């Protein structure tokens, strides 16, 4: 795995956090009141939104790490297909 940019402490902390994902907390639904179920559902939806935002940030980071200048030449293995083109709103992205 590549190291992240930043100080030695930041790189060490990021590496440690990546290797130790946060545990998923799940409450027994049968023990929850109606209000608690609603609150837990809101918490879960907020978690899903944060996860989706993080996923999008990771995808954009990978896109930044993969400029189209690094694409294999046409006709070589891994070259882009002629039948598909990236969105013109994203110039320079492979």
N, C-alpha and C. Protein backbone atom coordinates (compact mmCIF):
# COMPACT_ATOMS: atom_id res chain seq x y z
N UNK A 1 0.84 -1.18 0.00
CA UNK A 1 0.00 0.00 0.00
C UNK A 1 0.89 1.24 0.00
N UNK A 2 0.51 2.24 -0.77
CA UNK A 2 1.26 3.48 -0.80
C UNK A 2 1.02 4.28 0.45
N UNK A 3 2.02 5.07 0.83
CA UNK A 3 1.85 5.93 1.98
C UNK A 3 1.20 7.23 1.55
N UNK A 4 0.46 7.84 2.47
CA UNK A 4 -0.19 9.11 2.18
C UNK A 4 0.79 10.25 2.37
N UNK A 5 0.50 11.37 1.73
CA UNK A 5 1.32 12.56 1.90
C UNK A 5 1.09 13.12 3.28
N UNK A 6 2.05 13.84 3.80
CA UNK A 6 1.90 14.46 5.11
C UNK A 6 3.08 14.11 5.99
N UNK A 7 2.96 14.50 7.26
CA UNK A 7 4.03 14.24 8.20
C UNK A 7 4.13 12.75 8.51
N UNK A 8 5.21 12.37 9.16
CA UNK A 8 5.41 10.98 9.55
C UNK A 8 4.28 10.50 10.45
N UNK A 9 3.85 11.36 11.37
CA UNK A 9 2.76 11.00 12.29
C UNK A 9 1.46 10.83 11.52
N UNK A 10 1.17 11.74 10.59
CA UNK A 10 -0.05 11.63 9.79
C UNK A 10 -0.06 10.35 8.96
N UNK A 11 1.07 10.02 8.36
CA UNK A 11 1.16 8.79 7.56
C UNK A 11 0.97 7.56 8.43
N UNK A 12 1.58 7.56 9.60
CA UNK A 12 1.44 6.41 10.51
C UNK A 12 0.00 6.27 10.97
N UNK A 13 -0.64 7.38 11.33
CA UNK A 13 -2.03 7.35 11.78
C UNK A 13 -2.95 6.88 10.66
N UNK A 14 -2.75 7.38 9.46
CA UNK A 14 -3.59 6.97 8.33
C UNK A 14 -3.42 5.48 8.05
N UNK A 15 -2.20 4.99 8.08
CA UNK A 15 -1.96 3.56 7.87
C UNK A 15 -2.63 2.71 8.93
N UNK A 16 -2.55 3.15 10.17
CA UNK A 16 -3.18 2.41 11.28
C UNK A 16 -4.69 2.40 11.12
N UNK A 17 -5.28 3.54 10.77
CA UNK A 17 -6.73 3.63 10.63
C UNK A 17 -7.24 2.79 9.46
N UNK A 18 -6.50 2.75 8.37
CA UNK A 18 -6.91 1.95 7.21
C UNK A 18 -6.91 0.47 7.56
N UNK A 19 -5.95 0.05 8.36
CA UNK A 19 -5.85 -1.36 8.73
C UNK A 19 -6.86 -1.76 9.80
N UNK A 20 -7.45 -0.80 10.50
CA UNK A 20 -8.39 -1.10 11.58
C UNK A 20 -9.71 -0.37 11.34
N UNK A 21 -10.55 -0.87 10.45
CA UNK A 21 -11.82 -0.19 10.19
C UNK A 21 -12.70 -0.17 11.44
N UNK A 22 -13.55 0.84 11.51
CA UNK A 22 -14.44 0.99 12.66
C UNK A 22 -15.43 -0.17 12.71
N UNK A 23 -15.70 -0.66 13.92
CA UNK A 23 -16.67 -1.76 14.02
C UNK A 23 -18.08 -1.26 13.73
N UNK A 24 -18.90 -2.15 13.24
CA UNK A 24 -20.30 -1.81 12.95
C UNK A 24 -21.12 -2.10 14.19
N UNK A 25 -21.79 -1.09 14.69
CA UNK A 25 -22.62 -1.24 15.89
C UNK A 25 -24.05 -1.54 15.46
N UNK A 26 -24.58 -2.65 15.93
CA UNK A 26 -25.94 -3.03 15.57
C UNK A 26 -26.73 -3.30 16.84
N UNK A 27 -27.84 -2.60 16.99
CA UNK A 27 -28.69 -2.78 18.16
C UNK A 27 -29.77 -3.82 17.87
N UNK A 28 -30.15 -4.62 18.88
CA UNK A 28 -31.24 -5.59 18.68
C UNK A 28 -32.56 -4.85 18.48
N UNK A 29 -33.13 -4.95 17.30
CA UNK A 29 -34.34 -4.20 16.95
C UNK A 29 -35.50 -4.54 17.87
N UNK A 30 -35.61 -5.78 18.26
CA UNK A 30 -36.73 -6.21 19.11
C UNK A 30 -36.73 -5.49 20.46
N UNK A 31 -35.59 -5.00 20.90
CA UNK A 31 -35.51 -4.33 22.20
C UNK A 31 -35.76 -2.82 22.11
N UNK A 32 -35.89 -2.29 20.91
CA UNK A 32 -36.03 -0.85 20.73
C UNK A 32 -37.50 -0.42 20.73
N UNK A 33 -37.73 0.76 21.29
CA UNK A 33 -39.07 1.36 21.20
C UNK A 33 -39.25 1.92 19.80
N UNK A 34 -40.46 2.35 19.49
CA UNK A 34 -40.74 2.95 18.18
C UNK A 34 -39.84 4.17 17.95
N UNK A 35 -39.71 5.01 18.96
CA UNK A 35 -38.88 6.21 18.84
C UNK A 35 -37.41 5.84 18.66
N UNK A 36 -36.96 4.82 19.38
CA UNK A 36 -35.58 4.38 19.25
C UNK A 36 -35.31 3.78 17.87
N UNK A 37 -36.28 3.06 17.34
CA UNK A 37 -36.14 2.51 15.98
C UNK A 37 -36.01 3.64 14.97
N UNK A 38 -36.84 4.67 15.13
CA UNK A 38 -36.77 5.82 14.21
C UNK A 38 -35.42 6.52 14.33
N UNK A 39 -34.94 6.70 15.56
CA UNK A 39 -33.65 7.35 15.76
C UNK A 39 -32.51 6.50 15.19
N UNK A 40 -32.60 5.19 15.37
CA UNK A 40 -31.57 4.29 14.84
C UNK A 40 -31.59 4.29 13.32
N UNK A 41 -32.78 4.35 12.73
CA UNK A 41 -32.89 4.42 11.27
C UNK A 41 -32.26 5.71 10.76
N UNK A 42 -32.49 6.83 11.44
CA UNK A 42 -31.87 8.09 11.05
C UNK A 42 -30.35 8.00 11.15
N UNK A 43 -29.86 7.38 12.23
CA UNK A 43 -28.42 7.21 12.40
C UNK A 43 -27.84 6.37 11.26
N UNK A 44 -28.53 5.30 10.91
CA UNK A 44 -28.07 4.42 9.84
C UNK A 44 -28.07 5.14 8.49
N UNK A 45 -29.11 5.93 8.22
CA UNK A 45 -29.16 6.67 6.96
C UNK A 45 -28.04 7.71 6.89
N UNK A 46 -27.75 8.35 8.01
CA UNK A 46 -26.64 9.31 8.04
C UNK A 46 -25.31 8.60 7.80
N UNK A 47 -25.16 7.41 8.38
CA UNK A 47 -23.95 6.62 8.17
C UNK A 47 -23.80 6.24 6.70
N UNK A 48 -24.90 5.83 6.07
CA UNK A 48 -24.86 5.48 4.65
C UNK A 48 -24.49 6.69 3.80
N UNK A 49 -24.99 7.87 4.16
CA UNK A 49 -24.66 9.08 3.41
C UNK A 49 -23.17 9.40 3.55
N UNK A 50 -22.64 9.27 4.78
CA UNK A 50 -21.21 9.53 4.98
C UNK A 50 -20.37 8.51 4.21
N UNK A 51 -20.81 7.26 4.21
CA UNK A 51 -20.08 6.21 3.50
C UNK A 51 -20.09 6.47 2.00
N UNK A 52 -21.23 6.89 1.47
CA UNK A 52 -21.33 7.20 0.03
C UNK A 52 -20.44 8.39 -0.32
N UNK A 53 -20.39 9.39 0.55
CA UNK A 53 -19.53 10.55 0.30
C UNK A 53 -18.06 10.14 0.32
N UNK A 54 -17.70 9.27 1.25
CA UNK A 54 -16.32 8.78 1.34
C UNK A 54 -15.97 7.95 0.11
N UNK A 55 -16.92 7.13 -0.33
CA UNK A 55 -16.70 6.33 -1.54
C UNK A 55 -16.46 7.24 -2.74
N UNK A 56 -17.26 8.29 -2.87
CA UNK A 56 -17.09 9.23 -3.98
C UNK A 56 -15.73 9.91 -3.90
N UNK A 57 -15.31 10.27 -2.69
CA UNK A 57 -14.01 10.92 -2.52
C UNK A 57 -12.87 9.96 -2.92
N UNK A 58 -13.01 8.69 -2.56
CA UNK A 58 -12.00 7.70 -2.95
C UNK A 58 -11.95 7.53 -4.47
N UNK A 59 -13.11 7.48 -5.10
CA UNK A 59 -13.18 7.33 -6.57
C UNK A 59 -12.53 8.53 -7.25
N UNK A 60 -12.84 9.73 -6.77
CA UNK A 60 -12.22 10.93 -7.34
C UNK A 60 -10.71 10.94 -7.12
N UNK A 61 -10.29 10.46 -5.94
CA UNK A 61 -8.85 10.37 -5.67
C UNK A 61 -8.16 9.41 -6.62
N UNK A 62 -8.80 8.27 -6.87
CA UNK A 62 -8.24 7.32 -7.84
C UNK A 62 -8.20 7.92 -9.24
N UNK A 63 -9.23 8.68 -9.59
CA UNK A 63 -9.25 9.34 -10.90
C UNK A 63 -8.10 10.34 -11.00
N UNK A 64 -7.85 11.08 -9.92
CA UNK A 64 -6.73 12.02 -9.92
C UNK A 64 -5.40 11.30 -10.06
N UNK A 65 -5.32 10.08 -9.49
CA UNK A 65 -4.09 9.30 -9.56
C UNK A 65 -3.92 8.61 -10.91
N UNK A 66 -4.93 8.68 -11.78
CA UNK A 66 -4.91 7.96 -13.06
C UNK A 66 -5.21 8.91 -14.22
N UNK A 67 -4.34 9.87 -14.48
CA UNK A 67 -4.60 10.78 -15.60
C UNK A 67 -4.58 10.02 -16.92
N UNK A 68 -5.30 10.54 -17.90
CA UNK A 68 -5.37 9.84 -19.18
C UNK A 68 -4.04 9.85 -19.92
N UNK A 69 -3.11 10.69 -19.51
CA UNK A 69 -1.77 10.69 -20.12
C UNK A 69 -1.05 9.37 -19.87
N UNK A 70 -1.44 8.67 -18.79
CA UNK A 70 -0.79 7.40 -18.44
C UNK A 70 -1.44 6.20 -19.12
N UNK A 71 -2.49 6.41 -19.91
CA UNK A 71 -3.18 5.30 -20.57
C UNK A 71 -2.25 4.61 -21.56
N UNK A 72 -2.39 3.29 -21.72
CA UNK A 72 -1.60 2.58 -22.74
C UNK A 72 -1.94 3.10 -24.14
N UNK A 73 -0.98 2.99 -25.02
CA UNK A 73 -1.17 3.46 -26.40
C UNK A 73 -2.26 2.64 -27.09
N UNK A 74 -2.99 3.26 -28.03
CA UNK A 74 -4.03 2.52 -28.76
C UNK A 74 -3.44 1.27 -29.41
N UNK A 75 -4.22 0.18 -29.34
CA UNK A 75 -3.80 -1.07 -29.94
C UNK A 75 -2.98 -1.96 -29.01
N UNK A 76 -2.66 -1.47 -27.81
CA UNK A 76 -1.91 -2.28 -26.84
C UNK A 76 -2.87 -2.77 -25.75
N UNK A 77 -2.50 -3.84 -25.04
CA UNK A 77 -3.37 -4.34 -23.98
C UNK A 77 -3.66 -3.25 -22.93
N UNK A 78 -4.91 -3.14 -22.57
CA UNK A 78 -5.31 -2.16 -21.57
C UNK A 78 -5.65 -0.79 -22.14
N UNK A 79 -5.51 -0.63 -23.46
CA UNK A 79 -5.83 0.66 -24.08
C UNK A 79 -7.34 0.89 -24.03
N UNK A 80 -7.71 2.15 -24.03
CA UNK A 80 -9.14 2.46 -23.97
C UNK A 80 -9.85 1.99 -25.23
N UNK A 81 -11.11 1.65 -25.07
CA UNK A 81 -11.93 1.17 -26.19
C UNK A 81 -12.37 2.35 -27.04
N UNK A 82 -12.46 2.12 -28.33
CA UNK A 82 -12.91 3.19 -29.24
C UNK A 82 -14.40 3.45 -29.11
N UNK A 83 -15.13 2.45 -28.62
CA UNK A 83 -16.59 2.58 -28.55
C UNK A 83 -17.07 3.37 -27.34
N UNK A 84 -16.19 3.75 -26.46
CA UNK A 84 -16.59 4.48 -25.27
C UNK A 84 -15.68 5.67 -25.09
N UNK A 85 -16.27 6.79 -24.71
CA UNK A 85 -15.48 7.99 -24.48
C UNK A 85 -15.89 8.58 -23.14
N UNK A 86 -14.96 9.17 -22.39
CA UNK A 86 -15.33 9.80 -21.13
C UNK A 86 -16.19 11.03 -21.37
N UNK A 87 -16.91 11.40 -20.37
CA UNK A 87 -17.74 12.59 -20.41
C UNK A 87 -16.86 13.81 -20.71
N UNK A 88 -17.25 14.65 -21.66
CA UNK A 88 -16.42 15.82 -21.98
C UNK A 88 -16.30 16.80 -20.82
N UNK A 89 -17.16 16.65 -19.80
CA UNK A 89 -17.07 17.53 -18.63
C UNK A 89 -15.90 17.13 -17.73
N UNK A 90 -15.27 15.99 -18.02
CA UNK A 90 -14.16 15.52 -17.20
C UNK A 90 -12.90 15.39 -18.04
N UNK A 91 -12.40 16.48 -18.60
CA UNK A 91 -11.20 16.38 -19.44
C UNK A 91 -10.00 15.95 -18.61
N UNK A 92 -9.18 15.11 -19.21
CA UNK A 92 -7.96 14.67 -18.54
C UNK A 92 -8.14 13.49 -17.63
N UNK A 93 -9.38 13.01 -17.46
CA UNK A 93 -9.63 11.86 -16.60
C UNK A 93 -9.74 10.62 -17.46
N UNK A 94 -9.02 9.59 -17.07
CA UNK A 94 -9.00 8.34 -17.83
C UNK A 94 -10.25 7.54 -17.55
